[in-house]
């Protein structure tokens, strides 16, 4: 895999992660609407989701980097 391919795959993974987080935030916002307690719960859930997505993204990026170095 050359550097261009690696950068393209990295970009695609980051874009996919961003899209998933954006979609999740919209769903949570719609479900919470004007209820402050639901908003607080949704915010906590979104933070957890972002952290989980970040962990998965970093694992995939590491796999890509490792495959490049082989």
N, C-alpha and C. Protein backbone atom coordinates (compact mmCIF):
# COMPACT_ATOMS: atom_id res chain seq x y z
N UNK A 1 0.85 -1.16 0.00
CA UNK A 1 0.00 0.00 0.00
C UNK A 1 0.91 1.25 0.00
N UNK A 2 0.66 2.13 -0.93
CA UNK A 2 1.48 3.35 -0.97
C UNK A 2 0.89 4.43 -0.06
N UNK A 3 1.61 5.53 0.09
CA UNK A 3 1.17 6.60 0.99
C UNK A 3 -0.17 7.19 0.58
N UNK A 4 -0.40 7.32 -0.70
CA UNK A 4 -1.66 7.87 -1.18
C UNK A 4 -2.83 6.99 -0.76
N UNK A 5 -2.68 5.67 -0.96
CA UNK A 5 -3.73 4.73 -0.57
C UNK A 5 -3.97 4.78 0.93
N UNK A 6 -2.90 4.85 1.69
CA UNK A 6 -3.01 4.91 3.15
C UNK A 6 -3.75 6.18 3.57
N UNK A 7 -3.37 7.31 3.02
CA UNK A 7 -4.04 8.56 3.36
C UNK A 7 -5.51 8.55 2.96
N UNK A 8 -5.80 7.95 1.82
CA UNK A 8 -7.19 7.86 1.36
C UNK A 8 -8.02 7.01 2.33
N UNK A 9 -7.48 5.89 2.74
CA UNK A 9 -8.20 5.03 3.68
C UNK A 9 -8.35 5.71 5.04
N UNK A 10 -7.32 6.40 5.49
CA UNK A 10 -7.41 7.13 6.75
C UNK A 10 -8.50 8.20 6.67
N UNK A 11 -8.50 8.94 5.57
CA UNK A 11 -9.52 9.98 5.39
C UNK A 11 -10.92 9.38 5.39
N UNK A 12 -11.09 8.25 4.72
CA UNK A 12 -12.39 7.60 4.65
C UNK A 12 -12.84 7.13 6.03
N UNK A 13 -11.91 6.59 6.82
CA UNK A 13 -12.26 6.14 8.17
C UNK A 13 -12.66 7.31 9.07
N UNK A 14 -11.91 8.39 9.00
CA UNK A 14 -12.23 9.57 9.81
C UNK A 14 -13.58 10.16 9.37
N UNK A 15 -13.83 10.23 8.09
CA UNK A 15 -15.10 10.76 7.59
C UNK A 15 -16.26 9.88 8.03
N UNK A 16 -16.08 8.57 7.97
CA UNK A 16 -17.14 7.66 8.40
C UNK A 16 -17.41 7.83 9.89
N UNK A 17 -16.37 7.96 10.69
CA UNK A 17 -16.54 8.16 12.13
C UNK A 17 -17.29 9.46 12.39
N UNK A 18 -16.91 10.52 11.69
CA UNK A 18 -17.59 11.80 11.86
C UNK A 18 -19.07 11.68 11.51
N UNK A 19 -19.37 11.02 10.40
CA UNK A 19 -20.76 10.88 9.96
C UNK A 19 -21.59 10.10 10.97
N UNK A 20 -21.01 9.06 11.55
CA UNK A 20 -21.73 8.26 12.55
C UNK A 20 -22.01 9.10 13.79
N UNK A 21 -21.02 9.86 14.22
CA UNK A 21 -21.20 10.72 15.41
C UNK A 21 -22.25 11.80 15.13
N UNK A 22 -22.19 12.40 13.97
CA UNK A 22 -23.16 13.44 13.61
C UNK A 22 -24.58 12.86 13.58
N UNK A 23 -24.73 11.69 13.00
CA UNK A 23 -26.04 11.05 12.93
C UNK A 23 -26.57 10.73 14.33
N UNK A 24 -25.71 10.18 15.17
CA UNK A 24 -26.11 9.85 16.54
C UNK A 24 -26.52 11.10 17.29
N UNK A 25 -25.79 12.20 17.12
CA UNK A 25 -26.13 13.43 17.83
C UNK A 25 -27.49 13.97 17.39
N UNK A 26 -27.79 13.84 16.12
CA UNK A 26 -29.11 14.29 15.63
C UNK A 26 -30.24 13.47 16.23
N UNK A 27 -30.06 12.17 16.25
CA UNK A 27 -31.08 11.29 16.83
C UNK A 27 -31.30 11.62 18.30
N UNK A 28 -30.21 11.78 19.03
CA UNK A 28 -30.33 12.09 20.45
C UNK A 28 -30.98 13.46 20.66
N UNK A 29 -30.64 14.43 19.84
CA UNK A 29 -31.23 15.76 19.97
C UNK A 29 -32.73 15.74 19.72
N UNK A 30 -33.14 15.01 18.72
CA UNK A 30 -34.57 14.92 18.42
C UNK A 30 -35.30 14.22 19.56
N UNK A 31 -34.71 13.17 20.10
CA UNK A 31 -35.36 12.44 21.18
C UNK A 31 -35.43 13.25 22.47
N UNK A 32 -34.47 14.12 22.70
CA UNK A 32 -34.42 14.90 23.94
C UNK A 32 -35.31 16.14 23.86
N UNK A 33 -35.42 16.73 22.70
CA UNK A 33 -36.19 17.94 22.46
C UNK A 33 -36.00 18.97 23.57
N UNK A 34 -37.08 19.35 24.27
CA UNK A 34 -37.00 20.43 25.26
C UNK A 34 -36.90 19.94 26.70
N UNK A 35 -36.71 18.66 26.90
CA UNK A 35 -36.63 18.10 28.25
C UNK A 35 -35.18 18.15 28.74
N UNK A 36 -34.92 18.97 29.76
CA UNK A 36 -33.54 19.16 30.23
C UNK A 36 -32.91 17.87 30.75
N UNK A 37 -33.68 17.03 31.42
CA UNK A 37 -33.14 15.77 31.93
C UNK A 37 -32.76 14.85 30.77
N UNK A 38 -33.63 14.79 29.77
CA UNK A 38 -33.32 13.97 28.59
C UNK A 38 -32.11 14.53 27.84
N UNK A 39 -31.98 15.86 27.81
CA UNK A 39 -30.84 16.47 27.15
C UNK A 39 -29.54 16.11 27.86
N UNK A 40 -29.57 16.14 29.18
CA UNK A 40 -28.37 15.78 29.95
C UNK A 40 -28.00 14.32 29.71
N UNK A 41 -29.01 13.45 29.72
CA UNK A 41 -28.76 12.03 29.45
C UNK A 41 -28.22 11.83 28.03
N UNK A 42 -28.80 12.55 27.09
CA UNK A 42 -28.38 12.43 25.69
C UNK A 42 -26.94 12.91 25.53
N UNK A 43 -26.59 13.99 26.22
CA UNK A 43 -25.23 14.51 26.14
C UNK A 43 -24.23 13.49 26.67
N UNK A 44 -24.55 12.87 27.81
CA UNK A 44 -23.68 11.83 28.37
C UNK A 44 -23.56 10.65 27.43
N UNK A 45 -24.67 10.25 26.85
CA UNK A 45 -24.66 9.13 25.90
C UNK A 45 -23.83 9.47 24.67
N UNK A 46 -23.95 10.70 24.20
CA UNK A 46 -23.18 11.12 23.03
C UNK A 46 -21.68 11.12 23.33
N UNK A 47 -21.31 11.61 24.51
CA UNK A 47 -19.89 11.60 24.88
C UNK A 47 -19.35 10.17 24.92
N UNK A 48 -20.11 9.26 25.51
CA UNK A 48 -19.70 7.86 25.54
C UNK A 48 -19.56 7.30 24.13
N UNK A 49 -20.52 7.63 23.27
CA UNK A 49 -20.49 7.15 21.89
C UNK A 49 -19.28 7.69 21.15
N UNK A 50 -18.96 8.97 21.36
CA UNK A 50 -17.79 9.57 20.72
C UNK A 50 -16.52 8.87 21.18
N UNK A 51 -16.42 8.59 22.47
CA UNK A 51 -15.24 7.90 22.99
C UNK A 51 -15.11 6.51 22.40
N UNK A 52 -16.21 5.77 22.32
CA UNK A 52 -16.18 4.43 21.73
C UNK A 52 -15.81 4.49 20.26
N UNK A 53 -16.36 5.45 19.55
CA UNK A 53 -16.04 5.60 18.13
C UNK A 53 -14.57 5.96 17.95
N UNK A 54 -14.06 6.82 18.80
CA UNK A 54 -12.66 7.20 18.74
C UNK A 54 -11.75 6.00 18.97
N UNK A 55 -12.08 5.16 19.92
CA UNK A 55 -11.29 3.95 20.19
C UNK A 55 -11.28 3.04 18.96
N UNK A 56 -12.46 2.83 18.38
CA UNK A 56 -12.55 1.97 17.18
C UNK A 56 -11.77 2.58 16.01
N UNK A 57 -11.90 3.89 15.85
CA UNK A 57 -11.19 4.57 14.77
C UNK A 57 -9.69 4.42 14.95
N UNK A 58 -9.20 4.64 16.15
CA UNK A 58 -7.76 4.52 16.40
C UNK A 58 -7.26 3.10 16.15
N UNK A 59 -8.05 2.10 16.50
CA UNK A 59 -7.66 0.71 16.22
C UNK A 59 -7.54 0.47 14.73
N UNK A 60 -8.50 0.97 13.97
CA UNK A 60 -8.47 0.78 12.52
C UNK A 60 -7.31 1.55 11.88
N UNK A 61 -7.06 2.75 12.37
CA UNK A 61 -5.93 3.51 11.83
C UNK A 61 -4.61 2.82 12.15
N UNK A 62 -4.50 2.23 13.33
CA UNK A 62 -3.30 1.49 13.70
C UNK A 62 -3.12 0.27 12.80
N UNK A 63 -4.22 -0.43 12.52
CA UNK A 63 -4.14 -1.58 11.62
C UNK A 63 -3.64 -1.15 10.24
N UNK A 64 -4.16 -0.03 9.75
CA UNK A 64 -3.71 0.47 8.45
C UNK A 64 -2.23 0.80 8.47
N UNK A 65 -1.80 1.47 9.51
CA UNK A 65 -0.38 1.83 9.62
C UNK A 65 0.49 0.60 9.71
N UNK A 66 0.05 -0.40 10.47
CA UNK A 66 0.80 -1.64 10.59
C UNK A 66 0.89 -2.37 9.27
N UNK A 67 -0.21 -2.37 8.50
CA UNK A 67 -0.18 -3.06 7.21
C UNK A 67 0.74 -2.34 6.23
N UNK A 68 0.85 -1.03 6.38
CA UNK A 68 1.76 -0.27 5.52
C UNK A 68 3.21 -0.64 5.81
N UNK A 69 3.51 -0.87 7.07
CA UNK A 69 4.89 -1.15 7.48
C UNK A 69 5.34 -2.58 7.22
N UNK A 70 4.43 -3.43 6.79
CA UNK A 70 4.79 -4.83 6.51
C UNK A 70 5.35 -4.99 5.13
